Every structure is written in structure tokens, then in C-alpha cells.
N, C-alpha and C. Protein backbone atom coordinates (compact mmCIF):
# COMPACT_ATOMS: atom_id res chain seq x y z
N MET A 1 74.97 -132.72 -143.17
CA MET A 1 75.26 -134.02 -142.59
C MET A 1 74.51 -134.20 -141.28
N ALA A 2 74.54 -133.19 -140.41
CA ALA A 2 73.85 -133.28 -139.13
C ALA A 2 72.35 -133.43 -139.35
N TYR A 3 71.82 -132.74 -140.37
CA TYR A 3 70.40 -132.84 -140.69
C TYR A 3 70.06 -134.27 -141.12
N SER A 4 70.91 -134.89 -141.92
CA SER A 4 70.68 -136.26 -142.39
C SER A 4 70.70 -137.24 -141.22
N LEU A 5 71.59 -137.04 -140.28
CA LEU A 5 71.67 -137.93 -139.12
C LEU A 5 70.41 -137.80 -138.26
N LYS A 6 69.94 -136.57 -138.07
CA LYS A 6 68.72 -136.36 -137.29
C LYS A 6 67.53 -136.99 -137.99
N LEU A 7 67.46 -136.83 -139.31
CA LEU A 7 66.36 -137.39 -140.07
C LEU A 7 66.39 -138.92 -140.01
N ALA A 8 67.57 -139.49 -140.14
CA ALA A 8 67.71 -140.95 -140.07
C ALA A 8 67.33 -141.47 -138.68
N SER A 9 67.72 -140.75 -137.64
CA SER A 9 67.39 -141.14 -136.27
C SER A 9 65.88 -141.09 -136.04
N LEU A 10 65.25 -140.04 -136.56
CA LEU A 10 63.81 -139.89 -136.43
C LEU A 10 63.08 -141.01 -137.18
N ALA A 11 63.56 -141.32 -138.38
CA ALA A 11 62.94 -142.39 -139.17
C ALA A 11 63.09 -143.73 -138.44
N LEU A 12 64.25 -143.98 -137.89
CA LEU A 12 64.48 -145.22 -137.15
C LEU A 12 63.55 -145.32 -135.94
N ALA A 13 63.35 -144.21 -135.25
CA ALA A 13 62.46 -144.20 -134.10
C ALA A 13 61.03 -144.53 -134.52
N PHE A 14 60.56 -143.94 -135.60
CA PHE A 14 59.20 -144.22 -136.08
C PHE A 14 59.05 -145.68 -136.52
N VAL A 15 60.03 -146.20 -137.22
CA VAL A 15 59.98 -147.59 -137.66
C VAL A 15 59.97 -148.53 -136.45
N SER A 16 60.79 -148.23 -135.46
CA SER A 16 60.85 -149.06 -134.25
C SER A 16 59.50 -149.09 -133.54
N ILE A 17 58.88 -147.93 -133.43
CA ILE A 17 57.57 -147.85 -132.77
C ILE A 17 56.53 -148.62 -133.57
N ALA A 18 56.56 -148.48 -134.90
CA ALA A 18 55.60 -149.19 -135.75
C ALA A 18 55.77 -150.70 -135.64
N VAL A 19 57.00 -151.17 -135.64
CA VAL A 19 57.25 -152.61 -135.52
C VAL A 19 56.78 -153.12 -134.16
N ALA A 20 57.06 -152.38 -133.11
CA ALA A 20 56.64 -152.80 -131.77
C ALA A 20 55.12 -152.84 -131.66
N ALA A 21 54.44 -151.91 -132.33
CA ALA A 21 52.98 -151.87 -132.28
C ALA A 21 52.36 -153.05 -133.02
N MET A 22 53.06 -153.60 -134.00
CA MET A 22 52.53 -154.71 -134.78
C MET A 22 52.84 -156.07 -134.16
N ALA A 23 53.61 -156.11 -133.11
CA ALA A 23 53.98 -157.39 -132.49
C ALA A 23 52.74 -158.07 -131.94
N PRO A 24 52.60 -159.38 -132.16
CA PRO A 24 51.43 -160.08 -131.65
C PRO A 24 51.47 -160.16 -130.13
N PRO A 25 50.30 -160.14 -129.50
CA PRO A 25 50.29 -160.26 -128.04
C PRO A 25 50.76 -161.65 -127.62
N CYS A 26 51.40 -161.71 -126.48
CA CYS A 26 51.86 -163.01 -125.99
C CYS A 26 50.74 -163.67 -125.19
N ALA A 27 50.88 -164.94 -124.97
CA ALA A 27 49.91 -165.69 -124.19
C ALA A 27 50.34 -165.64 -122.73
N ALA A 28 50.16 -164.49 -122.11
CA ALA A 28 50.59 -164.30 -120.73
C ALA A 28 49.70 -165.09 -119.78
N GLN A 29 50.29 -165.53 -118.69
CA GLN A 29 49.53 -166.22 -117.67
C GLN A 29 49.11 -165.18 -116.63
N ASN A 30 47.89 -164.66 -116.79
CA ASN A 30 47.41 -163.64 -115.88
C ASN A 30 46.63 -164.22 -114.72
N SER A 31 46.27 -165.47 -114.84
CA SER A 31 45.52 -166.11 -113.76
C SER A 31 45.98 -167.56 -113.64
N LEU A 32 45.58 -168.19 -112.57
CA LEU A 32 45.91 -169.61 -112.40
C LEU A 32 45.31 -170.43 -113.53
N GLN A 33 44.08 -170.09 -113.93
CA GLN A 33 43.44 -170.85 -115.00
C GLN A 33 44.15 -170.66 -116.33
N ASP A 34 44.69 -169.45 -116.60
CA ASP A 34 45.48 -169.24 -117.82
C ASP A 34 46.67 -170.19 -117.85
N TYR A 35 47.33 -170.32 -116.73
CA TYR A 35 48.49 -171.21 -116.64
C TYR A 35 48.08 -172.66 -116.89
N VAL A 36 47.00 -173.09 -116.25
CA VAL A 36 46.53 -174.46 -116.40
C VAL A 36 46.09 -174.72 -117.85
N ASP A 37 45.39 -173.76 -118.46
CA ASP A 37 44.93 -173.93 -119.84
C ASP A 37 46.10 -174.09 -120.80
N LEU A 38 47.14 -173.28 -120.65
CA LEU A 38 48.31 -173.40 -121.52
C LEU A 38 49.03 -174.72 -121.28
N HIS A 39 49.11 -175.12 -120.04
CA HIS A 39 49.75 -176.40 -119.70
C HIS A 39 48.97 -177.56 -120.33
N ASN A 40 47.64 -177.50 -120.23
CA ASN A 40 46.82 -178.56 -120.81
C ASN A 40 46.89 -178.58 -122.33
N ALA A 41 47.04 -177.42 -122.95
CA ALA A 41 47.20 -177.38 -124.40
C ALA A 41 48.47 -178.11 -124.82
N ALA A 42 49.55 -177.90 -124.07
CA ALA A 42 50.81 -178.59 -124.36
C ALA A 42 50.65 -180.09 -124.12
N ARG A 43 49.95 -180.46 -123.06
CA ARG A 43 49.74 -181.88 -122.77
C ARG A 43 48.90 -182.54 -123.86
N ALA A 44 47.90 -181.82 -124.37
CA ALA A 44 47.04 -182.38 -125.43
C ALA A 44 47.83 -182.68 -126.69
N GLU A 45 48.84 -181.87 -126.97
CA GLU A 45 49.66 -182.09 -128.17
C GLU A 45 50.39 -183.43 -128.14
N VAL A 46 50.62 -183.96 -126.95
CA VAL A 46 51.32 -185.25 -126.84
C VAL A 46 50.40 -186.35 -126.32
N GLY A 47 49.09 -186.08 -126.33
CA GLY A 47 48.12 -187.10 -125.97
C GLY A 47 48.03 -187.43 -124.50
N VAL A 48 48.35 -186.47 -123.65
CA VAL A 48 48.29 -186.68 -122.21
C VAL A 48 47.08 -185.93 -121.67
N GLY A 49 46.42 -186.49 -120.68
CA GLY A 49 45.22 -185.90 -120.12
C GLY A 49 45.45 -184.57 -119.41
N ASP A 50 44.36 -183.87 -119.21
CA ASP A 50 44.39 -182.56 -118.56
C ASP A 50 44.75 -182.67 -117.08
N VAL A 51 45.24 -181.57 -116.56
CA VAL A 51 45.43 -181.39 -115.12
C VAL A 51 44.49 -180.28 -114.68
N SER A 52 44.28 -180.17 -113.39
CA SER A 52 43.46 -179.08 -112.85
C SER A 52 44.17 -178.49 -111.65
N TRP A 53 43.82 -177.25 -111.34
CA TRP A 53 44.42 -176.58 -110.20
C TRP A 53 43.82 -177.14 -108.92
N ASP A 54 44.64 -177.36 -107.92
CA ASP A 54 44.18 -177.86 -106.63
C ASP A 54 44.76 -176.95 -105.55
N ASP A 55 43.89 -176.23 -104.87
CA ASP A 55 44.35 -175.28 -103.85
C ASP A 55 45.08 -175.96 -102.70
N THR A 56 44.70 -177.20 -102.36
CA THR A 56 45.37 -177.92 -101.28
C THR A 56 46.80 -178.25 -101.66
N VAL A 57 46.99 -178.74 -102.88
CA VAL A 57 48.34 -179.06 -103.35
C VAL A 57 49.17 -177.79 -103.46
N ALA A 58 48.55 -176.71 -103.95
CA ALA A 58 49.27 -175.44 -104.08
C ALA A 58 49.72 -174.93 -102.71
N ALA A 59 48.87 -175.05 -101.71
CA ALA A 59 49.23 -174.61 -100.36
C ALA A 59 50.37 -175.45 -99.80
N TYR A 60 50.35 -176.76 -100.06
CA TYR A 60 51.43 -177.64 -99.61
C TYR A 60 52.75 -177.24 -100.28
N ALA A 61 52.70 -177.00 -101.59
CA ALA A 61 53.90 -176.62 -102.33
C ALA A 61 54.45 -175.29 -101.83
N GLU A 62 53.57 -174.35 -101.57
CA GLU A 62 54.02 -173.04 -101.07
C GLU A 62 54.65 -173.18 -99.69
N SER A 63 54.06 -173.99 -98.85
CA SER A 63 54.60 -174.21 -97.51
C SER A 63 55.98 -174.86 -97.58
N TYR A 64 56.13 -175.85 -98.45
CA TYR A 64 57.42 -176.53 -98.58
C TYR A 64 58.47 -175.59 -99.18
N ALA A 65 58.07 -174.77 -100.13
CA ALA A 65 59.00 -173.79 -100.71
C ALA A 65 59.49 -172.83 -99.64
N ALA A 66 58.60 -172.43 -98.74
CA ALA A 66 58.99 -171.54 -97.65
C ALA A 66 60.01 -172.22 -96.73
N GLU A 67 59.85 -173.52 -96.50
CA GLU A 67 60.82 -174.26 -95.69
C GLU A 67 62.20 -174.26 -96.33
N ARG A 68 62.26 -174.38 -97.62
CA ARG A 68 63.53 -174.48 -98.35
C ARG A 68 64.10 -173.10 -98.71
N GLN A 69 63.38 -172.05 -98.44
CA GLN A 69 63.81 -170.71 -98.82
C GLN A 69 65.17 -170.35 -98.23
N GLY A 70 65.45 -170.77 -97.04
CA GLY A 70 66.70 -170.40 -96.38
C GLY A 70 67.93 -171.09 -96.95
N ASP A 71 67.77 -172.34 -97.42
CA ASP A 71 68.95 -173.07 -97.89
C ASP A 71 68.86 -173.49 -99.36
N CYS A 72 67.69 -173.39 -99.96
CA CYS A 72 67.48 -173.78 -101.37
C CYS A 72 67.94 -175.20 -101.65
N ALA A 73 67.94 -176.05 -100.65
CA ALA A 73 68.37 -177.44 -100.83
C ALA A 73 67.36 -178.19 -101.68
N LEU A 74 67.87 -178.94 -102.64
CA LEU A 74 67.01 -179.77 -103.48
C LEU A 74 66.77 -181.09 -102.76
N GLN A 75 65.75 -181.08 -101.92
CA GLN A 75 65.40 -182.26 -101.14
C GLN A 75 63.92 -182.54 -101.33
N HIS A 76 63.59 -183.82 -101.49
CA HIS A 76 62.18 -184.16 -101.57
C HIS A 76 61.52 -183.91 -100.22
N SER A 77 60.28 -183.49 -100.26
CA SER A 77 59.58 -183.11 -99.04
C SER A 77 59.16 -184.31 -98.20
N GLY A 78 59.12 -185.47 -98.78
CA GLY A 78 58.60 -186.63 -98.06
C GLY A 78 57.13 -186.83 -98.34
N GLY A 79 56.50 -185.84 -98.96
CA GLY A 79 55.13 -185.99 -99.42
C GLY A 79 54.04 -185.70 -98.43
N GLY A 80 54.39 -185.60 -97.17
CA GLY A 80 53.35 -185.33 -96.18
C GLY A 80 52.31 -186.43 -96.14
N PRO A 81 51.18 -186.17 -95.50
CA PRO A 81 50.15 -187.21 -95.35
C PRO A 81 49.51 -187.62 -96.68
N ASN A 82 49.59 -186.78 -97.69
CA ASN A 82 48.96 -187.09 -98.97
C ASN A 82 49.93 -187.65 -99.99
N HIS A 83 51.18 -187.84 -99.59
CA HIS A 83 52.21 -188.43 -100.45
C HIS A 83 52.45 -187.63 -101.74
N TYR A 84 52.49 -186.32 -101.62
CA TYR A 84 52.83 -185.49 -102.77
C TYR A 84 54.30 -185.69 -103.10
N GLY A 85 54.66 -185.45 -104.33
CA GLY A 85 56.05 -185.57 -104.74
C GLY A 85 56.48 -184.36 -105.54
N GLU A 86 57.76 -184.26 -105.77
CA GLU A 86 58.32 -183.15 -106.53
C GLU A 86 59.23 -183.69 -107.62
N ASN A 87 59.30 -182.97 -108.70
CA ASN A 87 60.31 -183.22 -109.73
C ASN A 87 61.42 -182.21 -109.50
N LEU A 88 62.58 -182.68 -109.10
CA LEU A 88 63.70 -181.80 -108.79
C LEU A 88 64.76 -181.92 -109.86
N VAL A 89 65.35 -180.78 -110.24
CA VAL A 89 66.44 -180.79 -111.21
C VAL A 89 67.41 -179.68 -110.83
N ASP A 90 68.68 -179.94 -111.06
CA ASP A 90 69.72 -178.96 -110.80
C ASP A 90 70.49 -178.74 -112.08
N GLY A 91 70.80 -177.52 -112.38
CA GLY A 91 71.54 -177.21 -113.60
C GLY A 91 72.75 -176.35 -113.32
N THR A 92 73.55 -176.21 -114.35
CA THR A 92 74.74 -175.37 -114.21
C THR A 92 74.59 -174.12 -115.04
């Protein structure tokens, strides 16, 4: 009985490894462009134009996130001189 349990455990381990090895790779976002490309692919499916990465907008967003880090308040930033906006949502 103990031999059968060990054999079954070993077989399960081999099957688990084989299944994990056959799993397809995911579309990980390893770079900013990977993220933008995947986002644009989703937008294309619904007929919406592409977006592009903008370092100025990214810096503004990072700066505003740092301001909100202490209280996590969902408040619009006011947009600054370039009138940027945010989509804010709160969930339970």
C-alpha cells in the first residue's frame, strides 16, 4: 500500500510538471511598448484609434499619484496646465 501511494505521488508530480511545461506563455507587459501594444490591440477590436506613450503625461501621473499616496483620496487632480484628466472609480 505504501509503495502504491509513493508511486501515485511520483506519477502525479511528473504529470503536474508536464502540464505546467505545456502551458502557453502569457502576453506579459515587459516594457512600456508591450503595454501600449496590448492596449491598442484591444482598442482595435472595438474600432477605436491607437494611443501612444507620452513621457510628459506619465511624469504628471506619477507626480499626482505620489501626492495621493498618503491618503489615497479619489480626487481629480485639476489637470494642471495641460488639463489632464483621470478616470476614477471606487469599488467594494
